[in-house]
């Protein structure tokens, strides 16, 4: 089921982002040879947000929309620091922090050395309301770990932003809500499919199979050799 947009601005931002991702070929459909995520999900779709960094006009538009979305949904003067998740989140955090005129740090996947700031580079935004930035999320697991590292170091981290949210795997919002972590995103697969109605980016047979996946990702994954439940994903302990 498609995620409802909070406003017309959010919908326009989502469709603009989807058009950009399609134009720069960051969108990959491969139903005949599914992708396997580290969490064990099988998927006929894959998004490569790292391609954005190569295209200056694309990244400018997306980062402008990101800063605007954060301002609209959290507040223009509320966020005091931006932290990127290693590694894909670092460039986006830098560009967004520049637009928001805030300090910027990044969070390592694993601690380096000892002490409270062992995972934080730049400086620890201790006592500052910090938004965690990454390129995308499937089911939210890595965001929780990065946010916890920021909290352990003394930052106030209750918000995270991603350019792309898969929007289909179960439990993402519930898991983050339980950790008091609010997720903001620009675009989902449902937005990509809507834009695909405008132009023939992919064969109709591929689009049909992607719709089947989006309507029931757990069954689709299980039928193609992947995990089939959120509980299995949690048990593996490796999520994005």
C-alpha atoms as a PDB file:
ATOM      1  CA  UNK A   1       0.000   0.000   0.000  1.00  0.00           C
ATOM      2  CA  UNK A   2       1.398   3.391  -1.007  1.00  0.00           C
ATOM      3  CA  UNK A   3       2.488   5.811   1.698  1.00  0.00           C
ATOM      4  CA  UNK A   4       0.251   8.862   1.860  1.00  0.00           C
ATOM      5  CA  UNK A   5       1.925  12.227   1.405  1.00  0.00           C
ATOM      6  CA  UNK A   6       1.425  14.825   4.137  1.00  0.00           C
ATOM      7  CA  UNK A   7       0.761  17.644   1.658  1.00  0.00           C
ATOM      8  CA  UNK A   8       0.795  18.575  -2.023  1.00  0.00           C
ATOM      9  CA  UNK A   9       4.284  19.972  -1.527  1.00  0.00           C
ATOM     10  CA  UNK A  10       5.468  16.587  -0.206  1.00  0.00           C
ATOM     11  CA  UNK A  11       3.897  14.804  -3.175  1.00  0.00           C
ATOM     12  CA  UNK A  12       5.488  17.198  -5.683  1.00  0.00           C
ATOM     13  CA  UNK A  13       8.871  16.802  -3.954  1.00  0.00           C
ATOM     14  CA  UNK A  14       8.537  13.018  -4.074  1.00  0.00           C
ATOM     15  CA  UNK A  15       7.686  12.934  -7.781  1.00  0.00           C
ATOM     16  CA  UNK A  16      10.476  15.394  -8.629  1.00  0.00           C
ATOM     17  CA  UNK A  17      12.945  13.192  -6.757  1.00  0.00           C
ATOM     18  CA  UNK A  18      11.633  10.085  -8.535  1.00  0.00           C
ATOM     19  CA  UNK A  19      12.032  11.741 -11.952  1.00  0.00           C
ATOM     20  CA  UNK A  20      15.622  12.695 -11.129  1.00  0.00           C
ATOM     21  CA  UNK A  21      16.482   9.186  -9.933  1.00  0.00           C
ATOM     22  CA  UNK A  22      15.043   7.693 -13.104  1.00  0.00           C
ATOM     23  CA  UNK A  23      16.840  10.192 -15.335  1.00  0.00           C
ATOM     24  CA  UNK A  24      20.277   9.538 -13.780  1.00  0.00           C
ATOM     25  CA  UNK A  25      19.649   5.772 -13.903  1.00  0.00           C
ATOM     26  CA  UNK A  26      19.742   5.305 -10.138  1.00  0.00           C
ATOM     27  CA  UNK A  27      16.666   3.054 -10.408  1.00  0.00           C
ATOM     28  CA  UNK A  28      17.222  -0.609 -11.197  1.00  0.00           C
ATOM     29  CA  UNK A  29      14.508  -3.186 -11.973  1.00  0.00           C
ATOM     30  CA  UNK A  30      15.655  -6.794 -12.187  1.00  0.00           C
ATOM     31  CA  UNK A  31      12.707  -9.164 -11.570  1.00  0.00           C
ATOM     32  CA  UNK A  32      14.369 -12.078 -13.389  1.00  0.00           C
ATOM     33  CA  UNK A  33      17.466 -11.955 -11.139  1.00  0.00           C
ATOM     34  CA  UNK A  34      16.404 -10.479  -7.760  1.00  0.00           C
ATOM     35  CA  UNK A  35      18.718  -8.516  -5.524  1.00  0.00           C
ATOM     36  CA  UNK A  36      19.553  -9.895  -2.069  1.00  0.00           C
ATOM     37  CA  UNK A  37      19.842  -7.338   0.725  1.00  0.00           C
ATOM     38  CA  UNK A  38      22.102  -7.857   3.732  1.00  0.00           C
ATOM     39  CA  UNK A  39      19.012  -8.379   5.889  1.00  0.00           C
ATOM     40  CA  UNK A  40      17.981 -11.347   3.705  1.00  0.00           C
ATOM     41  CA  UNK A  41      15.116  -9.736   1.768  1.00  0.00           C
ATOM     42  CA  UNK A  42      14.866 -10.559  -1.929  1.00  0.00           C
ATOM     43  CA  UNK A  43      13.802  -7.687  -4.132  1.00  0.00           C
ATOM     44  CA  UNK A  44      13.303  -7.083  -7.869  1.00  0.00           C
ATOM     45  CA  UNK A  45      14.215  -3.426  -7.351  1.00  0.00           C
ATOM     46  CA  UNK A  46      17.336  -1.632  -6.212  1.00  0.00           C
ATOM     47  CA  UNK A  47      18.062   2.055  -5.802  1.00  0.00           C
ATOM     48  CA  UNK A  48      21.584   3.469  -6.099  1.00  0.00           C
ATOM     49  CA  UNK A  49      21.436   6.872  -4.423  1.00  0.00           C
ATOM     50  CA  UNK A  50      25.217   7.164  -4.594  1.00  0.00           C
ATOM     51  CA  UNK A  51      24.823   8.076  -8.264  1.00  0.00           C
ATOM     52  CA  UNK A  52      23.319  11.398  -7.155  1.00  0.00           C
ATOM     53  CA  UNK A  53      26.706  12.693  -6.011  1.00  0.00           C
ATOM     54  CA  UNK A  54      28.018  12.609  -9.609  1.00  0.00           C
ATOM     55  CA  UNK A  55      25.307  14.886 -11.053  1.00  0.00           C
ATOM     56  CA  UNK A  56      25.554  18.499  -9.802  1.00  0.00           C
ATOM     57  CA  UNK A  57      22.093  19.715 -10.845  1.00  0.00           C
ATOM     58  CA  UNK A  58      20.418  16.561  -9.587  1.00  0.00           C
ATOM     59  CA  UNK A  59      22.128  16.702  -6.202  1.00  0.00           C
ATOM     60  CA  UNK A  60      21.419  20.434  -5.837  1.00  0.00           C
ATOM     61  CA  UNK A  61      17.706  19.938  -6.427  1.00  0.00           C
ATOM     62  CA  UNK A  62      17.485  16.917  -4.122  1.00  0.00           C
ATOM     63  CA  UNK A  63      19.429  18.597  -1.305  1.00  0.00           C
ATOM     64  CA  UNK A  64      17.348  21.775  -1.673  1.00  0.00           C
ATOM     65  CA  UNK A  65      14.209  19.648  -1.316  1.00  0.00           C
ATOM     66  CA  UNK A  66      15.737  17.812   1.645  1.00  0.00           C
ATOM     67  CA  UNK A  67      16.495  21.023   3.548  1.00  0.00           C
ATOM     68  CA  UNK A  68      13.028  22.362   2.759  1.00  0.00           C
ATOM     69  CA  UNK A  69      11.349  19.158   3.939  1.00  0.00           C
ATOM     70  CA  UNK A  70      13.275  19.165   7.205  1.00  0.00           C
ATOM     71  CA  UNK A  71      12.311  22.795   7.753  1.00  0.00           C
ATOM     72  CA  UNK A  72       8.637  22.168   7.003  1.00  0.00           C
ATOM     73  CA  UNK A  73       8.292  19.045   9.156  1.00  0.00           C
ATOM     74  CA  UNK A  74      10.686  19.737  12.030  1.00  0.00           C
ATOM     75  CA  UNK A  75      11.375  23.469  11.979  1.00  0.00           C
ATOM     76  CA  UNK A  76      13.758  25.877  10.293  1.00  0.00           C
ATOM     77  CA  UNK A  77      15.564  26.805  13.518  1.00  0.00           C
ATOM     78  CA  UNK A  78      15.028  23.572  15.463  1.00  0.00           C
ATOM     79  CA  UNK A  79      17.848  21.367  14.163  1.00  0.00           C
ATOM     80  CA  UNK A  80      21.219  22.354  15.645  1.00  0.00           C
ATOM     81  CA  UNK A  81      23.487  19.805  13.962  1.00  0.00           C
ATOM     82  CA  UNK A  82      23.481  17.337  11.070  1.00  0.00           C
ATOM     83  CA  UNK A  83      25.186  13.942  11.272  1.00  0.00           C
ATOM     84  CA  UNK A  84      25.828  11.635   8.324  1.00  0.00           C
ATOM     85  CA  UNK A  85      25.957   7.861   8.572  1.00  0.00           C
ATOM     86  CA  UNK A  86      29.124   6.221   7.241  1.00  0.00           C
ATOM     87  CA  UNK A  87      29.581   6.155   4.315  1.00  0.00           C
ATOM     88  CA  UNK A  88      26.731   6.983   1.949  1.00  0.00           C
ATOM     89  CA  UNK A  89      25.162   9.524   4.302  1.00  0.00           C
ATOM     90  CA  UNK A  90      28.278  11.679   4.621  1.00  0.00           C
ATOM     91  CA  UNK A  91      28.032  13.734   1.387  1.00  0.00           C
ATOM     92  CA  UNK A  92      24.291  14.298   1.809  1.00  0.00           C
ATOM     93  CA  UNK A  93      24.783  15.391   5.413  1.00  0.00           C
ATOM     94  CA  UNK A  94      27.467  17.845   4.315  1.00  0.00           C
ATOM     95  CA  UNK A  95      25.312  19.412   1.590  1.00  0.00           C
ATOM     96  CA  UNK A  96      22.223  19.592   3.802  1.00  0.00           C
ATOM     97  CA  UNK A  97      24.175  21.036   6.734  1.00  0.00           C
ATOM     98  CA  UNK A  98      25.538  23.708   4.391  1.00  0.00           C
ATOM     99  CA  UNK A  99      22.030  24.694   3.347  1.00  0.00           C
ATOM    100  CA  UNK A 100      20.776  24.688   6.942  1.00  0.00           C
ATOM    101  CA  UNK A 101      23.908  26.503   8.189  1.00  0.00           C
ATOM    102  CA  UNK A 102      24.486  23.980  10.962  1.00  0.00           C
ATOM    103  CA  UNK A 103      27.528  22.059  12.234  1.00  0.00           C
ATOM    104  CA  UNK A 104      28.084  18.680  10.609  1.00  0.00           C
ATOM    105  CA  UNK A 105      29.566  15.439  11.928  1.00  0.00           C
ATOM    106  CA  UNK A 106      29.514  11.834  10.825  1.00  0.00           C
ATOM    107  CA  UNK A 107      28.942   8.544  12.600  1.00  0.00           C
ATOM    108  CA  UNK A 108      31.139   5.507  12.027  1.00  0.00           C
ATOM    109  CA  UNK A 109      29.640   2.053  11.642  1.00  0.00           C
ATOM    110  CA  UNK A 110      31.989   0.816  14.365  1.00  0.00           C
ATOM    111  CA  UNK A 111      33.857   2.673  17.126  1.00  0.00           C
ATOM    112  CA  UNK A 112      37.418   3.732  16.426  1.00  0.00           C
ATOM    113  CA  UNK A 113      39.383   3.953  19.642  1.00  0.00           C
ATOM    114  CA  UNK A 114      37.864   4.535  23.069  1.00  0.00           C
ATOM    115  CA  UNK A 115      35.587   6.980  24.834  1.00  0.00           C
ATOM    116  CA  UNK A 116      32.164   8.494  24.245  1.00  0.00           C
ATOM    117  CA  UNK A 117      33.124  10.025  20.900  1.00  0.00           C
ATOM    118  CA  UNK A 118      34.761   6.908  19.452  1.00  0.00           C
ATOM    119  CA  UNK A 119      32.170   6.679  16.655  1.00  0.00           C
ATOM    120  CA  UNK A 120      31.698  10.386  15.964  1.00  0.00           C
ATOM    121  CA  UNK A 121      33.964  12.366  13.638  1.00  0.00           C
ATOM    122  CA  UNK A 122      34.036  16.146  13.312  1.00  0.00           C
ATOM    123  CA  UNK A 123      32.891  16.924  16.827  1.00  0.00           C
ATOM    124  CA  UNK A 124      30.267  15.492  19.154  1.00  0.00           C
ATOM    125  CA  UNK A 125      27.054  17.589  18.994  1.00  0.00           C
ATOM    126  CA  UNK A 126      26.586  17.106  22.720  1.00  0.00           C
ATOM    127  CA  UNK A 127      23.274  18.455  23.960  1.00  0.00           C
ATOM    128  CA  UNK A 128      22.308  19.581  20.426  1.00  0.00           C
ATOM    129  CA  UNK A 129      19.206  18.456  18.539  1.00  0.00           C
ATOM    130  CA  UNK A 130      20.799  16.458  15.734  1.00  0.00           C
ATOM    131  CA  UNK A 131      19.261  14.966  12.616  1.00  0.00           C
ATOM    132  CA  UNK A 132      20.816  11.784  11.240  1.00  0.00           C
ATOM    133  CA  UNK A 133      21.107  11.792   7.436  1.00  0.00           C
ATOM    134  CA  UNK A 134      21.579   8.803   5.132  1.00  0.00           C
ATOM    135  CA  UNK A 135      20.923   8.110   1.474  1.00  0.00           C
ATOM    136  CA  UNK A 136      18.212   5.454   1.896  1.00  0.00           C
ATOM    137  CA  UNK A 137      16.587   2.930   4.198  1.00  0.00           C
ATOM    138  CA  UNK A 138      14.841  -0.388   3.675  1.00  0.00           C
ATOM    139  CA  UNK A 139      13.576  -1.324   7.156  1.00  0.00           C
ATOM    140  CA  UNK A 140      15.339   1.250   9.333  1.00  0.00           C
ATOM    141  CA  UNK A 141      17.732  -0.941  11.300  1.00  0.00           C
ATOM    142  CA  UNK A 142      20.986   0.900  10.607  1.00  0.00           C
ATOM    143  CA  UNK A 143      19.345   4.246  11.430  1.00  0.00           C
ATOM    144  CA  UNK A 144      18.596   2.990  14.917  1.00  0.00           C
ATOM    145  CA  UNK A 145      22.204   1.954  15.473  1.00  0.00           C
ATOM    146  CA  UNK A 146      23.600   5.267  14.210  1.00  0.00           C
ATOM    147  CA  UNK A 147      21.073   7.242  16.266  1.00  0.00           C
ATOM    148  CA  UNK A 148      21.957   5.250  19.372  1.00  0.00           C
ATOM    149  CA  UNK A 149      25.652   5.991  18.843  1.00  0.00           C
ATOM    150  CA  UNK A 150      24.844   9.714  18.674  1.00  0.00           C
ATOM    151  CA  UNK A 151      22.736   9.475  21.824  1.00  0.00           C
ATOM    152  CA  UNK A 152      25.440   7.553  23.661  1.00  0.00           C
ATOM    153  CA  UNK A 153      27.852  10.368  22.805  1.00  0.00           C
ATOM    154  CA  UNK A 154      25.481  12.980  24.232  1.00  0.00           C
ATOM    155  CA  UNK A 155      23.589  14.251  21.181  1.00  0.00           C
ATOM    156  CA  UNK A 156      19.808  14.608  21.095  1.00  0.00           C
ATOM    157  CA  UNK A 157      18.853  12.508  18.086  1.00  0.00           C
ATOM    158  CA  UNK A 158      15.133  11.941  17.552  1.00  0.00           C
ATOM    159  CA  UNK A 159      14.986  12.585  13.805  1.00  0.00           C
ATOM    160  CA  UNK A 160      16.442  10.925  10.728  1.00  0.00           C
ATOM    161  CA  UNK A 161      16.230  11.853   7.039  1.00  0.00           C
ATOM    162  CA  UNK A 162      16.795   9.743   3.931  1.00  0.00           C
ATOM    163  CA  UNK A 163      16.470  10.591   0.266  1.00  0.00           C
ATOM    164  CA  UNK A 164      14.791   7.260  -0.486  1.00  0.00           C
ATOM    165  CA  UNK A 165      12.632   5.019   1.691  1.00  0.00           C
ATOM    166  CA  UNK A 166      11.685   1.632   0.247  1.00  0.00           C
ATOM    167  CA  UNK A 167       8.280   1.979   1.896  1.00  0.00           C
ATOM    168  CA  UNK A 168       7.338  -1.691   1.615  1.00  0.00           C
ATOM    169  CA  UNK A 169       9.185  -3.801   4.176  1.00  0.00           C
ATOM    170  CA  UNK A 170       7.211  -4.321   7.394  1.00  0.00           C
ATOM    171  CA  UNK A 171       7.967  -2.786  10.751  1.00  0.00           C
ATOM    172  CA  UNK A 172      10.178   0.156   9.727  1.00  0.00           C
ATOM    173  CA  UNK A 173       8.015   2.929  11.165  1.00  0.00           C
ATOM    174  CA  UNK A 174       7.018   0.871  14.216  1.00  0.00           C
ATOM    175  CA  UNK A 175      10.611  -0.047  15.019  1.00  0.00           C
ATOM    176  CA  UNK A 176      11.802   3.538  14.794  1.00  0.00           C
ATOM    177  CA  UNK A 177       8.788   4.854  16.692  1.00  0.00           C
ATOM    178  CA  UNK A 178       9.626   2.474  19.539  1.00  0.00           C
ATOM    179  CA  UNK A 179      13.081   4.104  19.629  1.00  0.00           C
ATOM    180  CA  UNK A 180      11.545   7.600  19.548  1.00  0.00           C
ATOM    181  CA  UNK A 181      13.034   8.161  16.112  1.00  0.00           C
ATOM    182  CA  UNK A 182      11.067  10.108  13.505  1.00  0.00           C
ATOM    183  CA  UNK A 183      11.739   9.223   9.843  1.00  0.00           C
ATOM    184  CA  UNK A 184      11.547  11.789   7.054  1.00  0.00           C
ATOM    185  CA  UNK A 185      12.062  10.827   3.416  1.00  0.00           C
ATOM    186  CA  UNK A 186      11.644  12.381  -0.013  1.00  0.00           C
ATOM    187  CA  UNK A 187      10.648   9.451  -2.194  1.00  0.00           C
ATOM    188  CA  UNK A 188       9.482   5.802  -2.204  1.00  0.00           C
ATOM    189  CA  UNK A 189       9.060   3.041  -4.785  1.00  0.00           C
ATOM    190  CA  UNK A 190       5.398   3.972  -5.098  1.00  0.00           C
ATOM    191  CA  UNK A 191       6.452   7.428  -6.305  1.00  0.00           C
ATOM    192  CA  UNK A 192       8.837   5.849  -8.817  1.00  0.00           C
ATOM    193  CA  UNK A 193       6.014   3.699 -10.191  1.00  0.00           C
ATOM    194  CA  UNK A 194       3.749   6.736 -10.504  1.00  0.00           C
ATOM    195  CA  UNK A 195       6.392   8.566 -12.543  1.00  0.00           C
ATOM    196  CA  UNK A 196       6.887   5.465 -14.707  1.00  0.00           C
ATOM    197  CA  UNK A 197       3.334   6.000 -15.953  1.00  0.00           C
ATOM    198  CA  UNK A 198       4.511   9.243 -17.585  1.00  0.00           C
ATOM    199  CA  UNK A 199       7.265   7.683 -19.723  1.00  0.00           C
ATOM    200  CA  UNK A 200       8.263   4.133 -20.682  1.00  0.00           C
ATOM    201  CA  UNK A 201      11.384   3.893 -18.531  1.00  0.00           C
ATOM    202  CA  UNK A 202      10.954   0.104 -18.227  1.00  0.00           C
ATOM    203  CA  UNK A 203       9.131  -2.717 -19.984  1.00  0.00           C
ATOM    204  CA  UNK A 204       5.542  -3.216 -18.833  1.00  0.00           C
ATOM    205  CA  UNK A 205       6.322  -6.818 -17.824  1.00  0.00           C
ATOM    206  CA  UNK A 206       8.988  -5.568 -15.394  1.00  0.00           C
ATOM    207  CA  UNK A 207       6.601  -2.965 -13.989  1.00  0.00           C
ATOM    208  CA  UNK A 208       3.936  -5.618 -13.399  1.00  0.00           C
ATOM    209  CA  UNK A 209       6.363  -7.777 -11.448  1.00  0.00           C
ATOM    210  CA  UNK A 210       7.521  -4.782  -9.395  1.00  0.00           C
ATOM    211  CA  UNK A 211       3.896  -3.998  -8.527  1.00  0.00           C
ATOM    212  CA  UNK A 212       3.451  -7.603  -7.370  1.00  0.00           C
ATOM    213  CA  UNK A 213       6.469  -7.179  -5.121  1.00  0.00           C
ATOM    214  CA  UNK A 214       5.284  -3.857  -3.694  1.00  0.00           C
ATOM    215  CA  UNK A 215       1.825  -5.224  -2.936  1.00  0.00           C
ATOM    216  CA  UNK A 216       3.215  -8.166  -0.953  1.00  0.00           C
ATOM    217  CA  UNK A 217       6.999  -7.910  -0.455  1.00  0.00           C
ATOM    218  CA  UNK A 218       7.170 -10.653   2.186  1.00  0.00           C
ATOM    219  CA  UNK A 219       5.552 -13.298  -0.033  1.00  0.00           C
ATOM    220  CA  UNK A 220       7.533 -12.162  -3.074  1.00  0.00           C
ATOM    221  CA  UNK A 221      10.793 -12.382  -1.138  1.00  0.00           C
ATOM    222  CA  UNK A 222       9.983 -15.821   0.251  1.00  0.00           C
ATOM    223  CA  UNK A 223       8.947 -17.144  -3.173  1.00  0.00           C
ATOM    224  CA  UNK A 224      12.287 -16.033  -4.585  1.00  0.00           C
ATOM    225  CA  UNK A 225      14.476 -17.556  -1.872  1.00  0.00           C
ATOM    226  CA  UNK A 226      14.668 -14.688   0.610  1.00  0.00           C
ATOM    227  CA  UNK A 227      13.340 -14.188   4.115  1.00  0.00           C
ATOM    228  CA  UNK A 228       9.587 -13.885   4.503  1.00  0.00           C
ATOM    229  CA  UNK A 229       8.946 -11.967   7.716  1.00  0.00           C
ATOM    230  CA  UNK A 230      10.087  -8.999   9.774  1.00  0.00           C
ATOM    231  CA  UNK A 231      11.019 -11.405  12.577  1.00  0.00           C
ATOM    232  CA  UNK A 232      13.557 -13.111  10.310  1.00  0.00           C
ATOM    233  CA  UNK A 233      15.082  -9.761   9.433  1.00  0.00           C
ATOM    234  CA  UNK A 234      15.422  -8.830  13.099  1.00  0.00           C
ATOM    235  CA  UNK A 235      16.976 -12.192  13.928  1.00  0.00           C
ATOM    236  CA  UNK A 236      19.709 -11.588  11.364  1.00  0.00           C
ATOM    237  CA  UNK A 237      20.520  -8.278  13.004  1.00  0.00           C
ATOM    238  CA  UNK A 238      21.754  -6.668   9.763  1.00  0.00           C
ATOM    239  CA  UNK A 239      19.419  -4.068   8.310  1.00  0.00           C
ATOM    240  CA  UNK A 240      19.630  -0.821   6.380  1.00  0.00           C
END
